[in-house]
Amino acid sequence: MTLSAATLAKLAKYDTPTICNVIELFDIRPRNRGYMDHRVKCNFPELPPTVGFAATACFRSDAPPAGGDAYGSIGAQLEQFAKLPGPPVVVFQDLDDPPAAAVFGEVMCSTYQAFGSTGLVTNGAGRDLEQVRALKYPVFTGSTICSHGYCHMLHLGLPVRVGSLMVNHGDLLHGDANGVTNIPIEIAAEVADIGGEFLAAEELVMNYVKAPGPKSAARYNDLRKEFQAIVATLTKRVAKKHVAG
């Protein structure tokens, strides 16, 4: 399924928790699935949300490789970028436990960004963080380590497990200061369209509680009911559409 650049740009306008909230309306997966856990953290929370398609790889650094290294594999990795349906998000599963060295640094991130990547996600470590911050290239990691050790990629394009989330090559990912989630591709365009309506419904309550002056529990409850009614309407709309489809 192909998504337009406009749809991807619209998804990037929303924070990742809002994306998760809207996905819940579709009831296509359990609410405790589809996102990475607390071990994968955003390194640069000041950057806007990143959206892209997973370019997967596995990594080790605790022993010399049988042949080649990470830098020698980048060419093959970049070739895979062009086969994705949109901008790539590099996703590395570090198989060393605990991580022995950094998965990436300034050179790799600069290269990925130059070839259209919108970010990098790993359960492993990163380094050169100040230089990568200057690139404004979003990275999500499990830790920070100063050396690259015996870094090498084991395979490209196969399913990986990062932060408890199974990520397939080509999966649509959305990440920001709050973490990283998968967006089921079949509902991505609808998620982009509904996001604004969901936020507008939330504002009914948020504008009230943020406004100066005394508050009424009765008024708060009325606004909560109004919000819930709008959410119920959105839920019925998407459910009806998918049943009809």
C-alpha atoms as a PDB file:
ATOM      1  CA  MET A   1       0.000   0.000   0.000  1.00  0.00           C
ATOM      2  CA  THR A   2       1.353   3.409  -1.006  1.00  0.00           C
ATOM      3  CA  LEU A   3       0.979   6.490   1.181  1.00  0.00           C
ATOM      4  CA  SER A   4       1.258   9.975  -0.239  1.00  0.00           C
ATOM      5  CA  ALA A   5       3.848  12.473   0.940  1.00  0.00           C
ATOM      6  CA  ALA A   6       0.939  14.615   2.120  1.00  0.00           C
ATOM      7  CA  THR A   7      -0.324  11.817   4.370  1.00  0.00           C
ATOM      8  CA  LEU A   8       3.125  11.288   5.877  1.00  0.00           C
ATOM      9  CA  ALA A   9       3.450  15.028   6.485  1.00  0.00           C
ATOM     10  CA  LYS A  10       0.058  15.071   8.181  1.00  0.00           C
ATOM     11  CA  LEU A  11       1.044  12.187  10.467  1.00  0.00           C
ATOM     12  CA  ALA A  12       4.180  14.112  11.428  1.00  0.00           C
ATOM     13  CA  LYS A  13       2.040  16.989  12.730  1.00  0.00           C
ATOM     14  CA  TYR A  14       0.780  14.872  15.624  1.00  0.00           C
ATOM     15  CA  ASP A  15       2.702  13.654  18.645  1.00  0.00           C
ATOM     16  CA  THR A  16       3.140   9.919  19.068  1.00  0.00           C
ATOM     17  CA  PRO A  17       0.687   9.552  22.005  1.00  0.00           C
ATOM     18  CA  THR A  18      -2.039  11.119  19.841  1.00  0.00           C
ATOM     19  CA  ILE A  19      -1.219   8.657  17.066  1.00  0.00           C
ATOM     20  CA  CYS A  20      -1.541   5.811  19.594  1.00  0.00           C
ATOM     21  CA  ASN A  21      -4.875   7.173  20.844  1.00  0.00           C
ATOM     22  CA  VAL A  22      -6.294   7.345  17.328  1.00  0.00           C
ATOM     23  CA  ILE A  23      -5.077   3.841  16.444  1.00  0.00           C
ATOM     24  CA  GLU A  24      -7.058   2.552  19.438  1.00  0.00           C
ATOM     25  CA  LEU A  25     -10.288   3.745  17.782  1.00  0.00           C
ATOM     26  CA  PHE A  26      -9.850   1.107  15.077  1.00  0.00           C
ATOM     27  CA  ASP A  27      -9.623  -1.778  17.573  1.00  0.00           C
ATOM     28  CA  ILE A  28      -7.297  -3.730  15.297  1.00  0.00           C
ATOM     29  CA  ARG A  29      -4.733  -4.671  17.951  1.00  0.00           C
ATOM     30  CA  PRO A  30      -4.561  -4.925  21.762  1.00  0.00           C
ATOM     31  CA  ARG A  31      -3.921  -1.590  23.454  1.00  0.00           C
ATOM     32  CA  ASN A  32      -0.748  -2.903  25.065  1.00  0.00           C
ATOM     33  CA  ARG A  33       0.836  -3.847  21.737  1.00  0.00           C
ATOM     34  CA  GLY A  34       2.325  -2.053  18.756  1.00  0.00           C
ATOM     35  CA  TYR A  35       4.799   0.298  20.434  1.00  0.00           C
ATOM     36  CA  MET A  36       8.303   0.132  21.899  1.00  0.00           C
ATOM     37  CA  ASP A  37       8.822  -0.090  25.625  1.00  0.00           C
ATOM     38  CA  HIS A  38      10.659   2.223  28.030  1.00  0.00           C
ATOM     39  CA  ARG A  39      14.099   0.871  27.175  1.00  0.00           C
ATOM     40  CA  VAL A  40      14.153   2.749  23.857  1.00  0.00           C
ATOM     41  CA  LYS A  41      14.378   6.475  24.549  1.00  0.00           C
ATOM     42  CA  CYS A  42      14.350   9.576  22.388  1.00  0.00           C
ATOM     43  CA  ASN A  43      17.753  11.278  22.492  1.00  0.00           C
ATOM     44  CA  PHE A  44      16.603  14.651  21.180  1.00  0.00           C
ATOM     45  CA  PRO A  45      13.102  15.328  22.545  1.00  0.00           C
ATOM     46  CA  GLU A  46      13.191  18.884  21.209  1.00  0.00           C
ATOM     47  CA  LEU A  47      12.930  17.622  17.606  1.00  0.00           C
ATOM     48  CA  PRO A  48       9.524  17.220  15.921  1.00  0.00           C
ATOM     49  CA  PRO A  49       7.983  13.785  15.358  1.00  0.00           C
ATOM     50  CA  THR A  50       9.611  11.547  12.775  1.00  0.00           C
ATOM     51  CA  VAL A  51       7.698   9.292  10.387  1.00  0.00           C
ATOM     52  CA  GLY A  52       9.112   6.709   7.994  1.00  0.00           C
ATOM     53  CA  PHE A  53       9.391   3.123   6.868  1.00  0.00           C
ATOM     54  CA  ALA A  54      11.624   0.687   8.734  1.00  0.00           C
ATOM     55  CA  ALA A  55      14.923  -0.315   7.147  1.00  0.00           C
ATOM     56  CA  THR A  56      15.891  -3.178   9.428  1.00  0.00           C
ATOM     57  CA  ALA A  57      19.285  -4.618  10.354  1.00  0.00           C
ATOM     58  CA  CYS A  58      20.931  -6.712  13.066  1.00  0.00           C
ATOM     59  CA  PHE A  59      24.173  -5.652  14.737  1.00  0.00           C
ATOM     60  CA  ARG A  60      26.969  -6.936  16.968  1.00  0.00           C
ATOM     61  CA  SER A  61      30.134  -5.306  18.302  1.00  0.00           C
ATOM     62  CA  ASP A  62      31.517  -7.516  21.075  1.00  0.00           C
ATOM     63  CA  ALA A  63      33.768  -9.670  18.850  1.00  0.00           C
ATOM     64  CA  PRO A  64      35.451  -9.292  15.465  1.00  0.00           C
ATOM     65  CA  PRO A  65      33.219 -10.262  12.522  1.00  0.00           C
ATOM     66  CA  ALA A  66      33.983 -13.241  10.324  1.00  0.00           C
ATOM     67  CA  GLY A  67      34.274 -10.761   7.468  1.00  0.00           C
ATOM     68  CA  GLY A  68      33.407  -7.136   6.743  1.00  0.00           C
ATOM     69  CA  ASP A  69      32.207  -4.441   9.105  1.00  0.00           C
ATOM     70  CA  ALA A  70      29.332  -2.004   9.579  1.00  0.00           C
ATOM     71  CA  TYR A  71      30.778   0.590   7.233  1.00  0.00           C
ATOM     72  CA  GLY A  72      31.228  -1.994   4.497  1.00  0.00           C
ATOM     73  CA  SER A  73      27.546  -2.940   4.749  1.00  0.00           C
ATOM     74  CA  ILE A  74      26.196   0.593   4.496  1.00  0.00           C
ATOM     75  CA  GLY A  75      26.247   0.521   0.686  1.00  0.00           C
ATOM     76  CA  ALA A  76      23.882  -2.465   0.615  1.00  0.00           C
ATOM     77  CA  GLN A  77      21.743  -0.820   3.281  1.00  0.00           C
ATOM     78  CA  LEU A  78      21.439   2.379   1.253  1.00  0.00           C
ATOM     79  CA  GLU A  79      20.354   0.367  -1.782  1.00  0.00           C
ATOM     80  CA  GLN A  80      17.455  -0.950   0.287  1.00  0.00           C
ATOM     81  CA  PHE A  81      16.342   2.600   1.092  1.00  0.00           C
ATOM     82  CA  ALA A  82      15.296   3.152  -2.510  1.00  0.00           C
ATOM     83  CA  LYS A  83      13.041   0.071  -2.415  1.00  0.00           C
ATOM     84  CA  LEU A  84      10.958   1.348   0.505  1.00  0.00           C
ATOM     85  CA  PRO A  85       7.623   3.085  -0.194  1.00  0.00           C
ATOM     86  CA  GLY A  86       8.789   6.293   1.485  1.00  0.00           C
ATOM     87  CA  PRO A  87      11.488   7.822   3.692  1.00  0.00           C
ATOM     88  CA  PRO A  88      13.425   5.227   5.712  1.00  0.00           C
ATOM     89  CA  VAL A  89      13.799   4.988   9.472  1.00  0.00           C
ATOM     90  CA  VAL A  90      16.852   2.835  10.203  1.00  0.00           C
ATOM     91  CA  VAL A  91      16.056   0.178  12.817  1.00  0.00           C
ATOM     92  CA  PHE A  92      18.947  -1.764  14.379  1.00  0.00           C
ATOM     93  CA  GLN A  93      18.556  -4.688  16.731  1.00  0.00           C
ATOM     94  CA  ASP A  94      21.741  -4.957  18.787  1.00  0.00           C
ATOM     95  CA  LEU A  95      22.131  -8.651  19.608  1.00  0.00           C
ATOM     96  CA  ASP A  96      24.785  -8.098  22.281  1.00  0.00           C
ATOM     97  CA  ASP A  97      23.288  -8.153  25.755  1.00  0.00           C
ATOM     98  CA  PRO A  98      24.300  -5.891  27.308  1.00  0.00           C
ATOM     99  CA  PRO A  99      25.382  -3.676  24.386  1.00  0.00           C
ATOM    100  CA  ALA A 100      29.166  -3.692  24.002  1.00  0.00           C
ATOM    101  CA  ALA A 101      29.669  -0.604  21.825  1.00  0.00           C
ATOM    102  CA  ALA A 102      27.852   2.082  19.860  1.00  0.00           C
ATOM    103  CA  VAL A 103      25.640   1.086  16.938  1.00  0.00           C
ATOM    104  CA  PHE A 104      26.024   4.474  15.259  1.00  0.00           C
ATOM    105  CA  GLY A 105      27.903   7.751  15.321  1.00  0.00           C
ATOM    106  CA  GLU A 106      28.150  10.961  13.348  1.00  0.00           C
ATOM    107  CA  VAL A 107      29.422   9.321  10.136  1.00  0.00           C
ATOM    108  CA  MET A 108      26.603   6.803   9.869  1.00  0.00           C
ATOM    109  CA  CYS A 109      23.875   9.276  10.783  1.00  0.00           C
ATOM    110  CA  SER A 110      25.191  11.865   8.326  1.00  0.00           C
ATOM    111  CA  THR A 111      25.183   9.221   5.607  1.00  0.00           C
ATOM    112  CA  TYR A 112      21.692   7.979   6.391  1.00  0.00           C
ATOM    113  CA  GLN A 113      20.311  11.508   6.492  1.00  0.00           C
ATOM    114  CA  ALA A 114      21.941  12.354   3.152  1.00  0.00           C
ATOM    115  CA  PHE A 115      20.098   9.399   1.609  1.00  0.00           C
ATOM    116  CA  GLY A 116      16.699  10.501   2.904  1.00  0.00           C
ATOM    117  CA  SER A 117      16.435   8.773   6.272  1.00  0.00           C
ATOM    118  CA  THR A 118      14.211  10.536   8.809  1.00  0.00           C
ATOM    119  CA  GLY A 119      15.664   8.853  11.898  1.00  0.00           C
ATOM    120  CA  LEU A 120      17.290   5.850  13.556  1.00  0.00           C
ATOM    121  CA  VAL A 121      15.983   3.493  16.244  1.00  0.00           C
ATOM    122  CA  THR A 122      17.946   0.881  18.193  1.00  0.00           C
ATOM    123  CA  ASN A 123      17.845  -1.035  21.437  1.00  0.00           C
ATOM    124  CA  GLY A 124      21.626  -0.589  21.463  1.00  0.00           C
ATOM    125  CA  ALA A 125      23.844   2.405  22.084  1.00  0.00           C
ATOM    126  CA  GLY A 126      24.763   5.545  20.197  1.00  0.00           C
ATOM    127  CA  ARG A 127      27.687   7.976  20.314  1.00  0.00           C
ATOM    128  CA  ASP A 128      28.710  11.379  18.871  1.00  0.00           C
ATOM    129  CA  LEU A 129      25.402  12.592  20.233  1.00  0.00           C
ATOM    130  CA  GLU A 130      26.202  16.298  20.148  1.00  0.00           C
ATOM    131  CA  GLN A 131      27.286  16.048  16.513  1.00  0.00           C
ATOM    132  CA  VAL A 132      24.163  14.060  15.630  1.00  0.00           C
ATOM    133  CA  ARG A 133      22.023  16.600  17.492  1.00  0.00           C
ATOM    134  CA  ALA A 134      23.541  19.323  15.277  1.00  0.00           C
ATOM    135  CA  LEU A 135      22.318  17.347  12.252  1.00  0.00           C
ATOM    136  CA  LYS A 136      18.772  17.484  13.682  1.00  0.00           C
ATOM    137  CA  TYR A 137      18.578  13.781  12.945  1.00  0.00           C
ATOM    138  CA  PRO A 138      16.259  11.966  15.387  1.00  0.00           C
ATOM    139  CA  VAL A 139      17.742   8.954  17.152  1.00  0.00           C
ATOM    140  CA  PHE A 140      16.182   6.612  19.700  1.00  0.00           C
ATOM    141  CA  THR A 141      18.491   4.394  21.743  1.00  0.00           C
ATOM    142  CA  GLY A 142      18.802   2.158  24.760  1.00  0.00           C
ATOM    143  CA  SER A 143      22.070   3.678  25.987  1.00  0.00           C
ATOM    144  CA  THR A 144      25.201   5.670  25.115  1.00  0.00           C
ATOM    145  CA  ILE A 145      28.709   4.217  24.652  1.00  0.00           C
ATOM    146  CA  CYS A 146      31.818   6.099  23.511  1.00  0.00           C
ATOM    147  CA  SER A 147      33.443   3.405  21.307  1.00  0.00           C
ATOM    148  CA  HIS A 148      32.298   1.493  18.222  1.00  0.00           C
ATOM    149  CA  GLY A 149      34.035  -1.730  19.256  1.00  0.00           C
ATOM    150  CA  TYR A 150      33.957  -4.435  16.565  1.00  0.00           C
ATOM    151  CA  CYS A 151      30.812  -3.073  14.949  1.00  0.00           C
ATOM    152  CA  HIS A 152      29.336  -5.124  12.122  1.00  0.00           C
ATOM    153  CA  MET A 153      25.930  -5.824  10.605  1.00  0.00           C
ATOM    154  CA  LEU A 154      24.766  -9.441  10.516  1.00  0.00           C
ATOM    155  CA  HIS A 155      21.829  -9.105   8.128  1.00  0.00           C
ATOM    156  CA  LEU A 156      19.655  -6.540   6.422  1.00  0.00           C
ATOM    157  CA  GLY A 157      15.938  -6.447   5.742  1.00  0.00           C
ATOM    158  CA  LEU A 158      14.806  -9.219   8.088  1.00  0.00           C
ATOM    159  CA  PRO A 159      12.409  -8.832  11.054  1.00  0.00           C
ATOM    160  CA  VAL A 160      14.023  -7.435  14.209  1.00  0.00           C
ATOM    161  CA  ARG A 161      12.903  -7.033  17.809  1.00  0.00           C
ATOM    162  CA  VAL A 162      13.567  -3.635  19.375  1.00  0.00           C
ATOM    163  CA  GLY A 163      12.063  -2.457  22.653  1.00  0.00           C
ATOM    164  CA  SER A 164       9.767  -5.520  22.725  1.00  0.00           C
ATOM    165  CA  LEU A 165       8.316  -4.587  19.324  1.00  0.00           C
ATOM    166  CA  MET A 166       8.743  -6.868  16.318  1.00  0.00           C
ATOM    167  CA  VAL A 167       9.597  -4.618  13.391  1.00  0.00           C
ATOM    168  CA  ASN A 168       9.383  -5.842   9.818  1.00  0.00           C
ATOM    169  CA  HIS A 169      11.271  -4.211   6.987  1.00  0.00           C
ATOM    170  CA  GLY A 170       8.899  -1.616   5.537  1.00  0.00           C
ATOM    171  CA  ASP A 171       6.741  -1.122   8.650  1.00  0.00           C
ATOM    172  CA  LEU A 172       5.506   2.439   9.143  1.00  0.00           C
ATOM    173  CA  LEU A 173       6.932   3.961  12.340  1.00  0.00           C
ATOM    174  CA  HIS A 174       6.159   7.188  14.214  1.00  0.00           C
ATOM    175  CA  GLY A 175       8.373   8.500  17.011  1.00  0.00           C
ATOM    176  CA  ASP A 176       8.919  11.550  19.176  1.00  0.00           C
ATOM    177  CA  ALA A 177       9.938  12.497  22.722  1.00  0.00           C
ATOM    178  CA  ASN A 178       7.442   9.954  24.065  1.00  0.00           C
ATOM    179  CA  GLY A 179       8.705   6.893  22.192  1.00  0.00           C
ATOM    180  CA  VAL A 180       8.102   4.921  19.000  1.00  0.00           C
ATOM    181  CA  THR A 181       4.967   3.216  17.677  1.00  0.00           C
ATOM    182  CA  ASN A 182       4.043   1.190  14.638  1.00  0.00           C
ATOM    183  CA  ILE A 183       1.165   2.510  12.488  1.00  0.00           C
ATOM    184  CA  PRO A 184      -0.700  -0.276  10.666  1.00  0.00           C
ATOM    185  CA  ILE A 185      -0.318   0.723   7.041  1.00  0.00           C
ATOM    186  CA  GLU A 186      -3.908  -0.105   6.136  1.00  0.00           C
ATOM    187  CA  ILE A 187      -5.272   2.585   8.469  1.00  0.00           C
ATOM    188  CA  ALA A 188      -2.462   5.144   8.231  1.00  0.00           C
ATOM    189  CA  ALA A 189      -4.308   7.553   5.923  1.00  0.00           C
ATOM    190  CA  GLU A 190      -7.389   7.490   8.159  1.00  0.00           C
ATOM    191  CA  VAL A 191      -5.266   8.015  11.272  1.00  0.00           C
ATOM    192  CA  ALA A 192      -3.818  11.109   9.603  1.00  0.00           C
ATOM    193  CA  ASP A 193      -7.278  12.413   8.748  1.00  0.00           C
ATOM    194  CA  ILE A 194      -8.860  11.744  12.145  1.00  0.00           C
ATOM    195  CA  GLY A 195      -5.996  13.095  14.237  1.00  0.00           C
ATOM    196  CA  GLY A 196      -7.194  16.680  14.011  1.00  0.00           C
ATOM    197  CA  GLU A 197     -10.729  15.795  15.042  1.00  0.00           C
ATOM    198  CA  PHE A 198      -9.470  13.803  18.005  1.00  0.00           C
ATOM    199  CA  LEU A 199      -7.306  16.677  19.218  1.00  0.00           C
ATOM    200  CA  ALA A 200     -10.186  19.133  18.795  1.00  0.00           C
ATOM    201  CA  ALA A 201     -12.331  16.891  20.994  1.00  0.00           C
ATOM    202  CA  GLU A 202      -9.603  16.773  23.647  1.00  0.00           C
ATOM    203  CA  GLU A 203      -9.430  20.565  23.612  1.00  0.00           C
ATOM    204  CA  LEU A 204     -12.989  20.762  24.916  1.00  0.00           C
ATOM    205  CA  VAL A 205     -11.695  19.469  28.248  1.00  0.00           C
ATOM    206  CA  MET A 206      -8.180  20.894  28.104  1.00  0.00           C
ATOM    207  CA  ASN A 207      -9.302  24.460  27.413  1.00  0.00           C
ATOM    208  CA  TYR A 208     -11.563  24.301  30.446  1.00  0.00           C
ATOM    209  CA  VAL A 209      -9.031  22.923  32.916  1.00  0.00           C
ATOM    210  CA  LYS A 210      -6.272  25.260  31.679  1.00  0.00           C
ATOM    211  CA  ALA A 211      -8.389  28.401  31.843  1.00  0.00           C
ATOM    212  CA  PRO A 212      -7.979  30.670  34.891  1.00  0.00           C
ATOM    213  CA  GLY A 213     -10.604  30.770  37.587  1.00  0.00           C
ATOM    214  CA  PRO A 214     -12.505  28.291  39.762  1.00  0.00           C
ATOM    215  CA  LYS A 215     -13.667  24.979  38.303  1.00  0.00           C
ATOM    216  CA  SER A 216     -16.861  23.005  38.592  1.00  0.00           C
ATOM    217  CA  ALA A 217     -16.784  19.220  38.785  1.00  0.00           C
ATOM    218  CA  ALA A 218     -20.219  19.131  37.157  1.00  0.00           C
ATOM    219  CA  ARG A 219     -19.011  21.210  34.201  1.00  0.00           C
ATOM    220  CA  TYR A 220     -15.879  19.080  33.919  1.00  0.00           C
ATOM    221  CA  ASN A 221     -17.983  15.916  33.832  1.00  0.00           C
ATOM    222  CA  ASP A 222     -20.236  17.395  31.141  1.00  0.00           C
ATOM    223  CA  LEU A 223     -17.232  18.206  28.976  1.00  0.00           C
ATOM    224  CA  ARG A 224     -15.809  14.729  29.520  1.00  0.00           C
ATOM    225  CA  LYS A 225     -19.095  13.243  28.330  1.00  0.00           C
ATOM    226  CA  GLU A 226     -19.030  15.484  25.290  1.00  0.00           C
ATOM    227  CA  PHE A 227     -15.487  14.338  24.528  1.00  0.00           C
ATOM    228  CA  GLN A 228     -16.442  10.698  24.968  1.00  0.00           C
ATOM    229  CA  ALA A 229     -19.428  11.128  22.667  1.00  0.00           C
ATOM    230  CA  ILE A 230     -17.217  12.537  19.919  1.00  0.00           C
ATOM    231  CA  VAL A 231     -14.747   9.683  20.358  1.00  0.00           C
ATOM    232  CA  ALA A 232     -17.616   7.187  20.183  1.00  0.00           C
ATOM    233  CA  THR A 233     -18.783   8.791  16.935  1.00  0.00           C
ATOM    234  CA  LEU A 234     -15.294   8.598  15.453  1.00  0.00           C
ATOM    235  CA  THR A 235     -15.022   4.966  16.539  1.00  0.00           C
ATOM    236  CA  LYS A 236     -18.326   4.070  14.881  1.00  0.00           C
ATOM    237  CA  ARG A 237     -17.288   5.893  11.713  1.00  0.00           C
ATOM    238  CA  VAL A 238     -14.049   3.956  11.290  1.00  0.00           C
ATOM    239  CA  ALA A 239     -15.683   0.667  12.300  1.00  0.00           C
ATOM    240  CA  LYS A 240     -18.469   1.145   9.755  1.00  0.00           C
ATOM    241  CA  LYS A 241     -15.994   1.977   7.018  1.00  0.00           C
ATOM    242  CA  HIS A 242     -13.887  -1.111   7.668  1.00  0.00           C
ATOM    243  CA  VAL A 243     -16.916  -3.403   7.871  1.00  0.00           C
ATOM    244  CA  ALA A 244     -18.133  -1.971   4.579  1.00  0.00           C
ATOM    245  CA  GLY A 245     -14.667  -2.444   3.090  1.00  0.00           C
END
